[in-house]
N, C-alpha and C. Protein backbone atom coordinates (compact mmCIF):
# COMPACT_ATOMS: atom_id res chain seq x y z
N UNK A 1 95.89 -95.07 42.77
CA UNK A 1 95.42 -93.71 44.47
C UNK A 1 96.50 -93.11 45.61
N UNK A 2 96.81 -92.00 45.37
CA UNK A 2 97.74 -91.47 46.31
C UNK A 2 96.89 -90.81 47.57
N UNK A 3 97.95 -91.40 48.89
CA UNK A 3 97.62 -90.37 50.33
C UNK A 3 97.74 -88.89 49.23
N UNK A 4 97.00 -88.03 49.93
CA UNK A 4 96.95 -86.48 49.72
C UNK A 4 97.65 -85.98 51.87
N UNK A 5 97.05 -86.17 52.25
CA UNK A 5 96.81 -86.34 53.71
C UNK A 5 96.83 -87.21 54.86
N UNK A 6 97.74 -87.15 55.77
CA UNK A 6 97.59 -88.25 56.88
C UNK A 6 97.61 -87.35 58.10
N UNK A 7 96.33 -87.76 59.14
CA UNK A 7 96.62 -86.52 60.54
C UNK A 7 96.39 -87.47 61.82
N UNK A 8 97.19 -87.21 62.57
CA UNK A 8 96.04 -87.37 64.29
C UNK A 8 94.63 -87.28 64.68
N UNK A 9 94.13 -87.96 64.88
CA UNK A 9 92.60 -87.59 64.93
C UNK A 9 92.46 -87.72 66.43
N UNK A 10 93.14 -87.97 67.29
CA UNK A 10 93.29 -87.39 68.90
C UNK A 10 92.93 -86.79 69.00
N UNK A 11 91.93 -85.70 69.86
CA UNK A 11 91.26 -84.51 70.43
C UNK A 11 91.05 -83.88 69.18
N UNK A 12 89.98 -84.48 68.40
CA UNK A 12 89.43 -83.88 67.56
C UNK A 12 88.14 -84.32 67.88
N UNK A 13 87.39 -83.12 67.92
CA UNK A 13 86.11 -82.99 68.60
C UNK A 13 84.66 -82.79 67.16
N UNK A 14 85.25 -82.45 65.68
CA UNK A 14 84.12 -82.62 65.17
C UNK A 14 84.96 -82.07 63.33
N UNK A 15 84.21 -82.01 62.50
CA UNK A 15 84.96 -82.04 60.80
C UNK A 15 85.09 -80.58 61.28
N UNK A 16 85.22 -79.11 61.71
CA UNK A 16 86.03 -78.48 61.32
C UNK A 16 87.46 -78.63 61.74
N UNK A 17 87.61 -79.21 63.13
CA UNK A 17 88.81 -79.24 63.62
C UNK A 17 89.67 -80.57 62.49
N UNK A 18 89.10 -81.54 61.82
CA UNK A 18 89.76 -82.25 61.23
C UNK A 18 90.06 -81.32 60.18
N UNK A 19 89.48 -80.29 59.49
CA UNK A 19 89.89 -79.64 58.71
C UNK A 19 90.75 -78.82 58.81
N UNK A 20 90.82 -77.97 60.17
CA UNK A 20 91.70 -77.32 60.43
C UNK A 20 93.80 -78.01 59.81
N UNK A 21 93.40 -79.18 60.66
CA UNK A 21 94.66 -79.82 61.42
C UNK A 21 94.74 -80.40 59.59
N UNK A 22 94.17 -81.19 58.51
CA UNK A 22 94.28 -81.04 56.97
C UNK A 22 95.12 -79.88 56.79
N UNK A 23 94.82 -78.88 56.62
CA UNK A 23 95.10 -77.84 56.49
C UNK A 23 96.14 -77.52 57.03
N UNK A 24 96.76 -77.64 58.09
CA UNK A 24 98.20 -77.80 58.43
C UNK A 24 99.44 -78.47 58.07
N UNK A 25 98.66 -79.46 57.78
CA UNK A 25 98.95 -81.03 57.43
C UNK A 25 99.87 -81.30 56.14
N UNK A 26 98.93 -80.67 55.06
CA UNK A 26 99.07 -81.04 53.65
C UNK A 26 98.96 -80.01 53.01
N UNK A 27 99.80 -79.91 52.00
CA UNK A 27 100.03 -79.40 51.08
C UNK A 27 98.24 -78.81 49.86
N UNK A 28 97.83 -79.73 49.96
CA UNK A 28 96.72 -79.76 48.98
C UNK A 28 95.91 -78.42 50.13
N UNK A 29 95.66 -78.87 50.57
CA UNK A 29 94.56 -77.96 51.75
C UNK A 29 94.77 -77.14 52.27
N UNK A 30 96.44 -76.68 52.31
CA UNK A 30 97.38 -75.13 52.66
C UNK A 30 96.70 -73.87 51.51
N UNK A 31 96.50 -74.77 50.32
CA UNK A 31 96.82 -73.63 49.07
C UNK A 31 95.29 -73.17 48.88
N UNK A 32 94.57 -73.60 49.92
CA UNK A 32 92.70 -73.35 50.00
C UNK A 32 92.48 -73.10 50.94
N UNK A 33 90.70 -72.54 51.05
CA UNK A 33 90.05 -71.58 51.64
C UNK A 33 89.33 -72.77 52.47
N UNK A 34 89.24 -72.09 53.58
CA UNK A 34 88.76 -72.73 54.76
C UNK A 34 86.90 -73.16 54.08
N UNK A 35 87.17 -72.42 53.21
CA UNK A 35 85.51 -73.10 52.72
C UNK A 35 85.83 -74.19 51.80
N UNK A 36 86.46 -73.79 50.98
CA UNK A 36 86.67 -75.35 50.12
C UNK A 36 87.25 -76.16 50.80
N UNK A 37 88.30 -75.93 51.63
CA UNK A 37 89.13 -77.30 52.53
C UNK A 37 87.63 -78.22 52.65
N UNK A 38 86.55 -77.88 53.53
CA UNK A 38 85.45 -78.50 54.54
C UNK A 38 84.78 -78.92 52.62
N UNK A 39 84.68 -78.07 51.58
CA UNK A 39 83.84 -78.78 50.75
C UNK A 39 84.71 -80.34 49.58
N UNK A 40 85.98 -79.92 50.29
CA UNK A 40 87.31 -81.11 49.75
C UNK A 40 87.10 -82.13 49.94
N UNK A 41 86.77 -82.41 51.45
CA UNK A 41 86.13 -83.08 52.85
C UNK A 41 85.74 -83.26 52.58
N UNK A 42 84.42 -83.11 52.85
CA UNK A 42 83.02 -83.98 52.34
C UNK A 42 82.77 -84.48 50.98
N UNK A 43 84.08 -84.24 50.07
CA UNK A 43 83.41 -84.88 48.73
C UNK A 43 84.33 -85.81 48.44
N UNK A 44 85.55 -85.84 49.73
CA UNK A 44 86.46 -87.13 49.46
C UNK A 44 86.02 -88.40 51.00
N UNK A 45 84.91 -88.15 51.52
CA UNK A 45 84.09 -88.42 52.50
C UNK A 45 82.89 -89.48 51.53
N UNK A 46 82.25 -88.35 50.98
CA UNK A 46 81.24 -89.18 49.54
C UNK A 46 81.60 -90.31 48.59
N UNK A 47 82.63 -90.17 48.51
CA UNK A 47 83.34 -90.90 47.23
C UNK A 47 84.66 -91.45 47.80
N UNK A 48 84.14 -92.42 49.11
CA UNK A 48 84.86 -93.61 50.18
C UNK A 48 86.57 -93.15 50.01
N UNK A 49 86.98 -91.31 49.92
CA UNK A 49 88.41 -91.42 50.35
C UNK A 49 88.89 -90.65 52.00
N UNK A 50 87.85 -91.46 52.58
CA UNK A 50 89.13 -90.66 54.01
C UNK A 50 88.75 -92.08 54.34
N UNK A 51 89.57 -92.72 54.90
CA UNK A 51 90.16 -93.48 55.81
C UNK A 51 90.27 -93.91 57.20
N UNK A 52 90.12 -93.42 58.42
CA UNK A 52 90.28 -94.03 59.44
C UNK A 52 90.31 -95.13 60.66
N UNK A 53 91.49 -94.85 60.85
CA UNK A 53 92.36 -95.93 61.50
C UNK A 53 91.98 -95.44 63.38
N UNK A 54 92.89 -96.38 63.78
CA UNK A 54 92.64 -96.31 65.28
C UNK A 54 94.08 -95.12 65.43
N UNK A 55 93.30 -93.61 65.62
CA UNK A 55 93.87 -92.16 66.10
C UNK A 55 94.07 -91.51 64.93
N UNK A 56 93.98 -92.38 64.05
CA UNK A 56 94.39 -91.51 62.50
C UNK A 56 93.20 -91.34 61.50
N UNK A 57 93.58 -90.21 60.85
CA UNK A 57 92.85 -90.07 59.13
C UNK A 57 93.35 -90.35 57.43
N UNK A 58 93.22 -90.28 57.11
CA UNK A 58 94.28 -90.38 55.93
C UNK A 58 93.36 -90.48 54.58
N UNK A 59 93.42 -89.09 53.54
CA UNK A 59 92.42 -88.97 52.78
C UNK A 59 93.53 -88.86 51.60
N UNK A 60 92.64 -89.95 50.89
CA UNK A 60 93.51 -90.31 48.98
C UNK A 60 92.30 -89.74 47.64
N UNK A 61 93.71 -89.56 46.87
CA UNK A 61 92.93 -89.07 45.57
C UNK A 61 92.96 -89.76 44.50
N UNK A 62 92.42 -90.23 43.98
CA UNK A 62 92.29 -90.76 43.07
C UNK A 62 92.93 -90.00 41.69
N UNK A 63 94.03 -90.86 41.29
CA UNK A 63 94.50 -90.28 39.55
C UNK A 63 93.99 -90.57 38.44
N UNK A 64 94.13 -90.01 38.00
CA UNK A 64 93.35 -90.29 36.53
C UNK A 64 94.35 -91.26 35.41
């Protein structure tokens, strides 16, 4: 598993805010549209690839 993004979650109100920050911080999320970024984030959430800590959020990818 590799980390593809890590952001600060301080001041984020909802999923849209989180995805916008991911799009600013991660090369993976920068290259796709907002709608696709929402889908990718939801997929990561459903597959336990999102780790939330105190004040941060990390998104991971499973390498095959």
